[in-house]
Amino acid sequence: MADDNVIIYATLTPRPGKEAELETLLRGMCQPSRAEGGCVMYDLYRSKNNGTFHFFEIWKTQKDIEAHREEPHFKNFRASLEGLTEGPPQPNFLERIDSRT
């Protein structure tokens, strides 16, 4: 992986009773996002502890993320979140710390 990759870990907390609906929406983001040219990785996880959902994303550049946010599937996703989560997605932009040095 190149050092200039952008790594995002985003958390979404479902509202009670909306877990299945949110999961369906989130699953629908994976294939079209992975098909985007700048996508290196786009995976969805669910916490076994508390049922929160987590996207782990790696993009080649910041411009690729900006292009992703303009895609129809991303805009549909954002518009469809209303009422499904306890709040907005919580993205975390990660910086790799190489502990081997």
PDB file of N, CA and C in Angstrom:
ATOM      1  N   MET A   1       0.845  -1.182   0.000  1.00  0.00           N
ATOM      2  CA  MET A   1       0.000   0.000   0.000  1.00  0.00           C
ATOM      3  C   MET A   1       0.887   1.241   0.000  1.00  0.00           C
ATOM      4  N   ALA A   2       0.570   2.176  -0.825  1.00  0.00           N
ATOM      5  CA  ALA A   2       1.343   3.418  -0.887  1.00  0.00           C
ATOM      6  C   ALA A   2       1.076   4.273   0.341  1.00  0.00           C
ATOM      7  N   ASP A   3       2.083   5.052   0.726  1.00  0.00           N
ATOM      8  CA  ASP A   3       1.957   5.895   1.901  1.00  0.00           C
ATOM      9  C   ASP A   3       0.928   7.001   1.727  1.00  0.00           C
ATOM     10  N   ASP A   4       0.609   7.375   0.479  1.00  0.00           N
ATOM     11  CA  ASP A   4      -0.339   8.459   0.268  1.00  0.00           C
ATOM     12  C   ASP A   4      -1.787   7.977   0.236  1.00  0.00           C
ATOM     13  N   ASN A   5      -2.011   6.679   0.445  1.00  0.00           N
ATOM     14  CA  ASN A   5      -3.386   6.187   0.517  1.00  0.00           C
ATOM     15  C   ASN A   5      -4.112   6.860   1.668  1.00  0.00           C
ATOM     16  N   VAL A   6      -5.421   7.018   1.508  1.00  0.00           N
ATOM     17  CA  VAL A   6      -6.253   7.589   2.556  1.00  0.00           C
ATOM     18  C   VAL A   6      -7.052   6.454   3.166  1.00  0.00           C
ATOM     19  N   ILE A   7      -6.931   6.305   4.478  1.00  0.00           N
ATOM     20  CA  ILE A   7      -7.574   5.202   5.192  1.00  0.00           C
ATOM     21  C   ILE A   7      -8.658   5.792   6.090  1.00  0.00           C
ATOM     22  N   ILE A   8      -9.859   5.243   5.960  1.00  0.00           N
ATOM     23  CA  ILE A   8     -11.007   5.737   6.725  1.00  0.00           C
ATOM     24  C   ILE A   8     -11.644   4.573   7.470  1.00  0.00           C
ATOM     25  N   TYR A   9     -11.977   4.821   8.718  1.00  0.00           N
ATOM     26  CA  TYR A   9     -12.722   3.884   9.542  1.00  0.00           C
ATOM     27  C   TYR A   9     -13.965   4.654   9.991  1.00  0.00           C
ATOM     28  N   ALA A  10     -15.129   4.264   9.507  1.00  0.00           N
ATOM     29  CA  ALA A  10     -16.364   5.009   9.805  1.00  0.00           C
ATOM     30  C   ALA A  10     -17.332   4.140  10.588  1.00  0.00           C
ATOM     31  N   THR A  11     -17.926   4.716  11.612  1.00  0.00           N
ATOM     32  CA  THR A  11     -18.861   4.008  12.477  1.00  0.00           C
ATOM     33  C   THR A  11     -20.267   4.562  12.293  1.00  0.00           C
ATOM     34  N   LEU A  12     -21.244   3.647  12.216  1.00  0.00           N
ATOM     35  CA  LEU A  12     -22.660   4.015  12.138  1.00  0.00           C
ATOM     36  C   LEU A  12     -23.402   3.228  13.204  1.00  0.00           C
ATOM     37  N   THR A  13     -24.161   3.929  14.018  1.00  0.00           N
ATOM     38  CA  THR A  13     -24.915   3.303  15.095  1.00  0.00           C
ATOM     39  C   THR A  13     -26.391   3.266  14.711  1.00  0.00           C
ATOM     40  N   PRO A  14     -26.956   2.058  14.560  1.00  0.00           N
ATOM     41  CA  PRO A  14     -28.360   1.971  14.145  1.00  0.00           C
ATOM     42  C   PRO A  14     -29.312   2.377  15.270  1.00  0.00           C
ATOM     43  N   ARG A  15     -30.438   2.949  14.875  1.00  0.00           N
ATOM     44  CA  ARG A  15     -31.511   3.179  15.841  1.00  0.00           C
ATOM     45  C   ARG A  15     -32.135   1.831  16.179  1.00  0.00           C
ATOM     46  N   PRO A  16     -32.625   1.676  17.414  1.00  0.00           N
ATOM     47  CA  PRO A  16     -33.282   0.413  17.770  1.00  0.00           C
ATOM     48  C   PRO A  16     -34.411   0.090  16.788  1.00  0.00           C
ATOM     49  N   GLY A  17     -34.427  -1.151  16.322  1.00  0.00           N
ATOM     50  CA  GLY A  17     -35.439  -1.595  15.380  1.00  0.00           C
ATOM     51  C   GLY A  17     -35.111  -1.312  13.925  1.00  0.00           C
ATOM     52  N   LYS A  18     -34.030  -0.592  13.669  1.00  0.00           N
ATOM     53  CA  LYS A  18     -33.641  -0.223  12.295  1.00  0.00           C
ATOM     54  C   LYS A  18     -32.380  -0.958  11.829  1.00  0.00           C
ATOM     55  N   GLU A  19     -31.931  -1.921  12.609  1.00  0.00           N
ATOM     56  CA  GLU A  19     -30.676  -2.609  12.308  1.00  0.00           C
ATOM     57  C   GLU A  19     -30.686  -3.271  10.929  1.00  0.00           C
ATOM     58  N   ALA A  20     -31.727  -4.031  10.639  1.00  0.00           N
ATOM     59  CA  ALA A  20     -31.787  -4.762   9.361  1.00  0.00           C
ATOM     60  C   ALA A  20     -31.878  -3.801   8.180  1.00  0.00           C
ATOM     61  N   GLU A  21     -32.666  -2.760   8.324  1.00  0.00           N
ATOM     62  CA  GLU A  21     -32.816  -1.784   7.242  1.00  0.00           C
ATOM     63  C   GLU A  21     -31.496  -1.057   6.980  1.00  0.00           C
ATOM     64  N   LEU A  22     -30.811  -0.699   8.058  1.00  0.00           N
ATOM     65  CA  LEU A  22     -29.512  -0.038   7.905  1.00  0.00           C
ATOM     66  C   LEU A  22     -28.503  -0.990   7.271  1.00  0.00           C
ATOM     67  N   GLU A  23     -28.495  -2.229   7.713  1.00  0.00           N
ATOM     68  CA  GLU A  23     -27.552  -3.192   7.138  1.00  0.00           C
ATOM     69  C   GLU A  23     -27.770  -3.354   5.631  1.00  0.00           C
ATOM     70  N   THR A  24     -29.001  -3.418   5.211  1.00  0.00           N
ATOM     71  CA  THR A  24     -29.301  -3.532   3.785  1.00  0.00           C
ATOM     72  C   THR A  24     -28.751  -2.329   3.023  1.00  0.00           C
ATOM     73  N   LEU A  25     -28.970  -1.143   3.554  1.00  0.00           N
ATOM     74  CA  LEU A  25     -28.465   0.071   2.917  1.00  0.00           C
ATOM     75  C   LEU A  25     -26.939   0.043   2.840  1.00  0.00           C
ATOM     76  N   LEU A  26     -26.292  -0.340   3.928  1.00  0.00           N
ATOM     77  CA  LEU A  26     -24.834  -0.353   3.970  1.00  0.00           C
ATOM     78  C   LEU A  26     -24.257  -1.406   3.034  1.00  0.00           C
ATOM     79  N   ARG A  27     -24.873  -2.576   3.000  1.00  0.00           N
ATOM     80  CA  ARG A  27     -24.405  -3.621   2.085  1.00  0.00           C
ATOM     81  C   ARG A  27     -24.472  -3.136   0.632  1.00  0.00           C
ATOM     82  N   GLY A  28     -25.485  -2.334   0.338  1.00  0.00           N
ATOM     83  CA  GLY A  28     -25.656  -1.801  -1.011  1.00  0.00           C
ATOM     84  C   GLY A  28     -24.565  -0.833  -1.434  1.00  0.00           C
ATOM     85  N   MET A  29     -23.789  -0.356  -0.495  1.00  0.00           N
ATOM     86  CA  MET A  29     -22.691   0.561  -0.810  1.00  0.00           C
ATOM     87  C   MET A  29     -21.424  -0.162  -1.252  1.00  0.00           C
ATOM     88  N   CYS A  30     -21.281  -1.410  -0.865  1.00  0.00           N
ATOM     89  CA  CYS A  30     -19.997  -2.096  -1.048  1.00  0.00           C
ATOM     90  C   CYS A  30     -19.617  -2.306  -2.505  1.00  0.00           C
ATOM     91  N   GLN A  31     -20.429  -2.981  -3.277  1.00  0.00           N
ATOM     92  CA  GLN A  31     -20.058  -3.294  -4.658  1.00  0.00           C
ATOM     93  C   GLN A  31     -19.828  -2.054  -5.519  1.00  0.00           C
ATOM     94  N   PRO A  32     -20.740  -1.084  -5.521  1.00  0.00           N
ATOM     95  CA  PRO A  32     -20.474   0.081  -6.375  1.00  0.00           C
ATOM     96  C   PRO A  32     -19.253   0.882  -5.917  1.00  0.00           C
ATOM     97  N   SER A  33     -19.004   0.921  -4.621  1.00  0.00           N
ATOM     98  CA  SER A  33     -17.829   1.654  -4.128  1.00  0.00           C
ATOM     99  C   SER A  33     -16.545   0.939  -4.520  1.00  0.00           C
ATOM    100  N   ARG A  34     -16.539  -0.386  -4.398  1.00  0.00           N
ATOM    101  CA  ARG A  34     -15.357  -1.167  -4.788  1.00  0.00           C
ATOM    102  C   ARG A  34     -15.047  -1.024  -6.275  1.00  0.00           C
ATOM    103  N   ALA A  35     -16.071  -0.756  -7.075  1.00  0.00           N
ATOM    104  CA  ALA A  35     -15.892  -0.632  -8.525  1.00  0.00           C
ATOM    105  C   ALA A  35     -15.291   0.711  -8.931  1.00  0.00           C
ATOM    106  N   GLU A  36     -15.242   1.654  -8.014  1.00  0.00           N
ATOM    107  CA  GLU A  36     -14.682   2.969  -8.330  1.00  0.00           C
ATOM    108  C   GLU A  36     -13.173   2.855  -8.516  1.00  0.00           C
ATOM    109  N   GLY A  37     -12.653   3.620  -9.465  1.00  0.00           N
ATOM    110  CA  GLY A  37     -11.250   3.537  -9.826  1.00  0.00           C
ATOM    111  C   GLY A  37     -10.259   3.737  -8.699  1.00  0.00           C
ATOM    112  N   GLY A  38     -10.537   4.621  -7.771  1.00  0.00           N
ATOM    113  CA  GLY A  38      -9.584   4.916  -6.702  1.00  0.00           C
ATOM    114  C   GLY A  38      -9.749   4.086  -5.455  1.00  0.00           C
ATOM    115  N   CYS A  39     -10.661   3.130  -5.472  1.00  0.00           N
ATOM    116  CA  CYS A  39     -10.913   2.320  -4.284  1.00  0.00           C
ATOM    117  C   CYS A  39      -9.917   1.173  -4.194  1.00  0.00           C
ATOM    118  N   VAL A  40      -9.227   1.090  -3.075  1.00  0.00           N
ATOM    119  CA  VAL A  40      -8.308  -0.007  -2.804  1.00  0.00           C
ATOM    120  C   VAL A  40      -9.023  -1.072  -1.967  1.00  0.00           C
ATOM    121  N   MET A  41      -9.807  -0.634  -0.982  1.00  0.00           N
ATOM    122  CA  MET A  41     -10.571  -1.540  -0.130  1.00  0.00           C
ATOM    123  C   MET A  41     -11.817  -0.819   0.376  1.00  0.00           C
ATOM    124  N   TYR A  42     -12.910  -1.573   0.471  1.00  0.00           N
ATOM    125  CA  TYR A  42     -14.161  -1.018   0.985  1.00  0.00           C
ATOM    126  C   TYR A  42     -14.922  -2.176   1.618  1.00  0.00           C
ATOM    127  N   ASP A  43     -14.774  -2.334   2.924  1.00  0.00           N
ATOM    128  CA  ASP A  43     -15.363  -3.476   3.625  1.00  0.00           C
ATOM    129  C   ASP A  43     -16.274  -3.010   4.742  1.00  0.00           C
ATOM    130  N   LEU A  44     -17.330  -3.787   4.965  1.00  0.00           N
ATOM    131  CA  LEU A  44     -18.319  -3.503   6.000  1.00  0.00           C
ATOM    132  C   LEU A  44     -18.203  -4.540   7.103  1.00  0.00           C
ATOM    133  N   TYR A  45     -18.266  -4.074   8.345  1.00  0.00           N
ATOM    134  CA  TYR A  45     -18.213  -4.941   9.519  1.00  0.00           C
ATOM    135  C   TYR A  45     -19.336  -4.576  10.478  1.00  0.00           C
ATOM    136  N   ARG A  46     -19.730  -5.559  11.298  1.00  0.00           N
ATOM    137  CA  ARG A  46     -20.688  -5.315  12.378  1.00  0.00           C
ATOM    138  C   ARG A  46     -20.007  -5.731  13.674  1.00  0.00           C
ATOM    139  N   SER A  47     -20.110  -4.901  14.685  1.00  0.00           N
ATOM    140  CA  SER A  47     -19.534  -5.214  15.986  1.00  0.00           C
ATOM    141  C   SER A  47     -20.330  -6.325  16.656  1.00  0.00           C
ATOM    142  N   LYS A  48     -19.639  -7.334  17.148  1.00  0.00           N
ATOM    143  CA  LYS A  48     -20.285  -8.406  17.907  1.00  0.00           C
ATOM    144  C   LYS A  48     -20.651  -7.926  19.309  1.00  0.00           C
ATOM    145  N   ASN A  49     -20.045  -6.838  19.744  1.00  0.00           N
ATOM    146  CA  ASN A  49     -20.292  -6.317  21.091  1.00  0.00           C
ATOM    147  C   ASN A  49     -21.567  -5.497  21.196  1.00  0.00           C
ATOM    148  N   ASN A  50     -21.788  -4.617  20.209  1.00  0.00           N
ATOM    149  CA  ASN A  50     -22.910  -3.677  20.373  1.00  0.00           C
ATOM    150  C   ASN A  50     -23.734  -3.451  19.113  1.00  0.00           C
ATOM    151  N   GLY A  51     -23.457  -4.168  18.046  1.00  0.00           N
ATOM    152  CA  GLY A  51     -24.271  -4.053  16.837  1.00  0.00           C
ATOM    153  C   GLY A  51     -24.020  -2.845  15.975  1.00  0.00           C
ATOM    154  N   THR A  52     -22.992  -2.057  16.292  1.00  0.00           N
ATOM    155  CA  THR A  52     -22.666  -0.931  15.424  1.00  0.00           C
ATOM    156  C   THR A  52     -22.057  -1.459  14.126  1.00  0.00           C
ATOM    157  N   PHE A  53     -22.155  -0.663  13.077  1.00  0.00           N
ATOM    158  CA  PHE A  53     -21.588  -1.017  11.788  1.00  0.00           C
ATOM    159  C   PHE A  53     -20.350  -0.165  11.545  1.00  0.00           C
ATOM    160  N   HIS A  54     -19.400  -0.748  10.808  1.00  0.00           N
ATOM    161  CA  HIS A  54     -18.137  -0.064  10.565  1.00  0.00           C
ATOM    162  C   HIS A  54     -17.703  -0.303   9.126  1.00  0.00           C
ATOM    163  N   PHE A  55     -17.395   0.782   8.436  1.00  0.00           N
ATOM    164  CA  PHE A  55     -16.768   0.693   7.127  1.00  0.00           C
ATOM    165  C   PHE A  55     -15.267   0.869   7.332  1.00  0.00           C
ATOM    166  N   PHE A  56     -14.493   0.034   6.678  1.00  0.00           N
ATOM    167  CA  PHE A  56     -13.049   0.198   6.623  1.00  0.00           C
ATOM    168  C   PHE A  56     -12.727   0.424   5.159  1.00  0.00           C
ATOM    169  N   GLU A  57     -12.239   1.625   4.861  1.00  0.00           N
ATOM    170  CA  GLU A  57     -12.033   2.034   3.468  1.00  0.00           C
ATOM    171  C   GLU A  57     -10.592   2.453   3.254  1.00  0.00           C
ATOM    172  N   ILE A  58     -10.066   2.114   2.092  1.00  0.00           N
ATOM    173  CA  ILE A  58      -8.766   2.620   1.674  1.00  0.00           C
ATOM    174  C   ILE A  58      -8.936   3.150   0.254  1.00  0.00           C
ATOM    175  N   TRP A  59      -8.532   4.399   0.080  1.00  0.00           N
ATOM    176  CA  TRP A  59      -8.618   5.083  -1.214  1.00  0.00           C
ATOM    177  C   TRP A  59      -7.228   5.516  -1.618  1.00  0.00           C
ATOM    178  N   LYS A  60      -6.982   5.548  -2.917  1.00  0.00           N
ATOM    179  CA  LYS A  60      -5.653   5.915  -3.419  1.00  0.00           C
ATOM    180  C   LYS A  60      -5.292   7.353  -3.061  1.00  0.00           C
ATOM    181  N   THR A  61      -6.250   8.274  -3.207  1.00  0.00           N
ATOM    182  CA  THR A  61      -5.976   9.689  -2.944  1.00  0.00           C
ATOM    183  C   THR A  61      -7.208  10.372  -2.351  1.00  0.00           C
ATOM    184  N   GLN A  62      -6.999  11.556  -1.831  1.00  0.00           N
ATOM    185  CA  GLN A  62      -8.102  12.372  -1.333  1.00  0.00           C
ATOM    186  C   GLN A  62      -9.070  12.714  -2.465  1.00  0.00           C
ATOM    187  N   LYS A  63      -8.546  12.923  -3.659  1.00  0.00           N
ATOM    188  CA  LYS A  63      -9.408  13.225  -4.806  1.00  0.00           C
ATOM    189  C   LYS A  63     -10.348  12.059  -5.097  1.00  0.00           C
ATOM    190  N   ASP A  64      -9.893  10.840  -4.875  1.00  0.00           N
ATOM    191  CA  ASP A  64     -10.753   9.675  -5.085  1.00  0.00           C
ATOM    192  C   ASP A  64     -11.907   9.659  -4.086  1.00  0.00           C
ATOM    193  N   ILE A  65     -11.655  10.074  -2.867  1.00  0.00           N
ATOM    194  CA  ILE A  65     -12.724  10.154  -1.863  1.00  0.00           C
ATOM    195  C   ILE A  65     -13.722  11.233  -2.265  1.00  0.00           C
ATOM    196  N   GLU A  66     -13.220  12.358  -2.711  1.00  0.00           N
ATOM    197  CA  GLU A  66     -14.100  13.440  -3.150  1.00  0.00           C
ATOM    198  C   GLU A  66     -14.964  12.987  -4.325  1.00  0.00           C
ATOM    199  N   ALA A  67     -14.381  12.235  -5.260  1.00  0.00           N
ATOM    200  CA  ALA A  67     -15.152  11.713  -6.388  1.00  0.00           C
ATOM    201  C   ALA A  67     -16.188  10.700  -5.897  1.00  0.00           C
ATOM    202  N   HIS A  68     -15.816   9.873  -4.929  1.00  0.00           N
ATOM    203  CA  HIS A  68     -16.733   8.897  -4.334  1.00  0.00           C
ATOM    204  C   HIS A  68     -17.972   9.591  -3.767  1.00  0.00           C
ATOM    205  N   ARG A  69     -17.776  10.692  -3.106  1.00  0.00           N
ATOM    206  CA  ARG A  69     -18.880  11.435  -2.483  1.00  0.00           C
ATOM    207  C   ARG A  69     -19.820  12.061  -3.503  1.00  0.00           C
ATOM    208  N   GLU A  70     -19.400  12.130  -4.749  1.00  0.00           N
ATOM    209  CA  GLU A  70     -20.249  12.665  -5.815  1.00  0.00           C
ATOM    210  C   GLU A  70     -20.967  11.575  -6.596  1.00  0.00           C
ATOM    211  N   GLU A  71     -20.670  10.337  -6.315  1.00  0.00           N
ATOM    212  CA  GLU A  71     -21.304   9.213  -7.014  1.00  0.00           C
ATOM    213  C   GLU A  71     -22.776   9.099  -6.618  1.00  0.00           C
ATOM    214  N   PRO A  72     -23.642   8.695  -7.541  1.00  0.00           N
ATOM    215  CA  PRO A  72     -25.070   8.542  -7.221  1.00  0.00           C
ATOM    216  C   PRO A  72     -25.337   7.589  -6.062  1.00  0.00           C
ATOM    217  N   HIS A  73     -24.605   6.486  -5.966  1.00  0.00           N
ATOM    218  CA  HIS A  73     -24.857   5.544  -4.865  1.00  0.00           C
ATOM    219  C   HIS A  73     -24.498   6.158  -3.517  1.00  0.00           C
ATOM    220  N   PHE A  74     -23.476   7.019  -3.462  1.00  0.00           N
ATOM    221  CA  PHE A  74     -23.137   7.675  -2.206  1.00  0.00           C
ATOM    222  C   PHE A  74     -24.196   8.714  -1.829  1.00  0.00           C
ATOM    223  N   LYS A  75     -24.638   9.480  -2.817  1.00  0.00           N
ATOM    224  CA  LYS A  75     -25.673  10.484  -2.543  1.00  0.00           C
ATOM    225  C   LYS A  75     -26.970   9.819  -2.095  1.00  0.00           C
ATOM    226  N   ASN A  76     -27.331   8.700  -2.701  1.00  0.00           N
ATOM    227  CA  ASN A  76     -28.514   7.951  -2.293  1.00  0.00           C
ATOM    228  C   ASN A  76     -28.350   7.425  -0.866  1.00  0.00           C
ATOM    229  N   PHE A  77     -27.174   6.916  -0.566  1.00  0.00           N
ATOM    230  CA  PHE A  77     -26.869   6.427   0.777  1.00  0.00           C
ATOM    231  C   PHE A  77     -27.074   7.529   1.812  1.00  0.00           C
ATOM    232  N   ARG A  78     -26.491   8.679   1.581  1.00  0.00           N
ATOM    233  CA  ARG A  78     -26.609   9.787   2.545  1.00  0.00           C
ATOM    234  C   ARG A  78     -28.070  10.218   2.716  1.00  0.00           C
ATOM    235  N   ALA A  79     -28.807  10.284   1.627  1.00  0.00           N
ATOM    236  CA  ALA A  79     -30.214  10.681   1.692  1.00  0.00           C
ATOM    237  C   ALA A  79     -31.063   9.634   2.398  1.00  0.00           C
ATOM    238  N   SER A  80     -30.673   8.385   2.326  1.00  0.00           N
ATOM    239  CA  SER A  80     -31.456   7.287   2.904  1.00  0.00           C
ATOM    240  C   SER A  80     -31.147   7.021   4.367  1.00  0.00           C
ATOM    241  N   LEU A  81     -30.131   7.652   4.931  1.00  0.00           N
ATOM    242  CA  LEU A  81     -29.753   7.413   6.331  1.00  0.00           C
ATOM    243  C   LEU A  81     -30.749   7.984   7.336  1.00  0.00           C
ATOM    244  N   GLU A  82     -31.496   8.987   6.921  1.00  0.00           N
ATOM    245  CA  GLU A  82     -32.442   9.668   7.819  1.00  0.00           C
ATOM    246  C   GLU A  82     -33.316   8.658   8.564  1.00  0.00           C
ATOM    247  N   GLY A  83     -33.262   8.704   9.873  1.00  0.00           N
ATOM    248  CA  GLY A  83     -34.095   7.849  10.701  1.00  0.00           C
ATOM    249  C   GLY A  83     -33.550   6.453  10.953  1.00  0.00           C
ATOM    250  N   LEU A  84     -32.446   6.106  10.318  1.00  0.00           N
ATOM    251  CA  LEU A  84     -31.881   4.769  10.506  1.00  0.00           C
ATOM    252  C   LEU A  84     -30.761   4.720  11.534  1.00  0.00           C
ATOM    253  N   THR A  85     -30.133   5.862  11.800  1.00  0.00           N
ATOM    254  CA  THR A  85     -28.995   5.884  12.716  1.00  0.00           C
ATOM    255  C   THR A  85     -29.228   6.842  13.877  1.00  0.00           C
ATOM    256  N   GLU A  86     -28.442   6.628  14.915  1.00  0.00           N
ATOM    257  CA  GLU A  86     -28.522   7.484  16.107  1.00  0.00           C
ATOM    258  C   GLU A  86     -27.899   8.855  15.863  1.00  0.00           C
ATOM    259  N   GLY A  87     -27.184   9.000  14.816  1.00  0.00           N
ATOM    260  CA  GLY A  87     -26.535  10.263  14.465  1.00  0.00           C
ATOM    261  C   GLY A  87     -25.841  10.082  13.135  1.00  0.00           C
ATOM    262  N   PRO A  88     -25.122  11.095  12.710  1.00  0.00           N
ATOM    263  CA  PRO A  88     -24.419  10.975  11.428  1.00  0.00           C
ATOM    264  C   PRO A  88     -23.293   9.950  11.525  1.00  0.00           C
ATOM    265  N   PRO A  89     -22.841   9.440  10.382  1.00  0.00           N
ATOM    266  CA  PRO A  89     -21.672   8.551  10.400  1.00  0.00           C
ATOM    267  C   PRO A  89     -20.493   9.258  11.064  1.00  0.00           C
ATOM    268  N   GLN A  90     -19.687   8.483  11.748  1.00  0.00           N
ATOM    269  CA  GLN A  90     -18.515   9.022  12.433  1.00  0.00           C
ATOM    270  C   GLN A  90     -17.251   8.547  11.719  1.00  0.00           C
ATOM    271  N   PRO A  91     -16.796   9.315  10.711  1.00  0.00           N
ATOM    272  CA  PRO A  91     -15.587   8.899  10.004  1.00  0.00           C
ATOM    273  C   PRO A  91     -14.328   9.269  10.780  1.00  0.00           C
ATOM    274  N   ASN A  92     -13.362   8.395  10.730  1.00  0.00           N
ATOM    275  CA  ASN A  92     -12.050   8.639  11.317  1.00  0.00           C
ATOM    276  C   ASN A  92     -11.023   8.434  10.218  1.00  0.00           C
ATOM    277  N   PHE A  93     -10.245   9.467   9.935  1.00  0.00           N
ATOM    278  CA  PHE A  93      -9.178   9.370   8.954  1.00  0.00           C
ATOM    279  C   PHE A  93      -7.932   8.904   9.711  1.00  0.00           C
ATOM    280  N   LEU A  94      -7.397   7.761   9.290  1.00  0.00           N
ATOM    281  CA  LEU A  94      -6.319   7.126  10.030  1.00  0.00           C
ATOM    282  C   LEU A  94      -4.957   7.415   9.413  1.00  0.00           C
ATOM    283  N   GLU A  95      -3.989   7.491  10.286  1.00  0.00           N
ATOM    284  CA  GLU A  95      -2.600   7.652   9.883  1.00  0.00           C
ATOM    285  C   GLU A  95      -1.843   6.424  10.369  1.00  0.00           C
ATOM    286  N   ARG A  96      -1.147   5.779   9.452  1.00  0.00           N
ATOM    287  CA  ARG A  96      -0.404   4.567   9.811  1.00  0.00           C
ATOM    288  C   ARG A  96       0.817   4.941  10.663  1.00  0.00           C
ATOM    289  N   ILE A  97       0.977   4.198  11.731  1.00  0.00           N
ATOM    290  CA  ILE A  97       2.164   4.318  12.557  1.00  0.00           C
ATOM    291  C   ILE A  97       2.902   2.995  12.436  1.00  0.00           C
ATOM    292  N   ASP A  98       4.050   3.027  11.825  1.00  0.00           N
ATOM    293  CA  ASP A  98       4.810   1.808  11.601  1.00  0.00           C
ATOM    294  C   ASP A  98       5.625   1.499  12.847  1.00  0.00           C
ATOM    295  N   SER A  99       5.182   0.530  13.591  1.00  0.00           N
ATOM    296  CA  SER A  99       5.843   0.197  14.857  1.00  0.00           C
ATOM    297  C   SER A  99       7.061  -0.708  14.653  1.00  0.00           C
ATOM    298  N   ARG A 100       7.353  -1.043  13.410  1.00  0.00           N
ATOM    299  CA  ARG A 100       8.495  -1.919  13.138  1.00  0.00           C
ATOM    300  C   ARG A 100       9.818  -1.149  13.047  1.00  0.00           C
ATOM    301  N   THR A 101       9.748   0.167  13.128  1.00  0.00           N
ATOM    302  CA  THR A 101      10.990   0.946  13.004  1.00  0.00           C
ATOM    303  C   THR A 101      11.467   1.406  14.349  1.00  0.00           C
TER     304      THR A 101
END
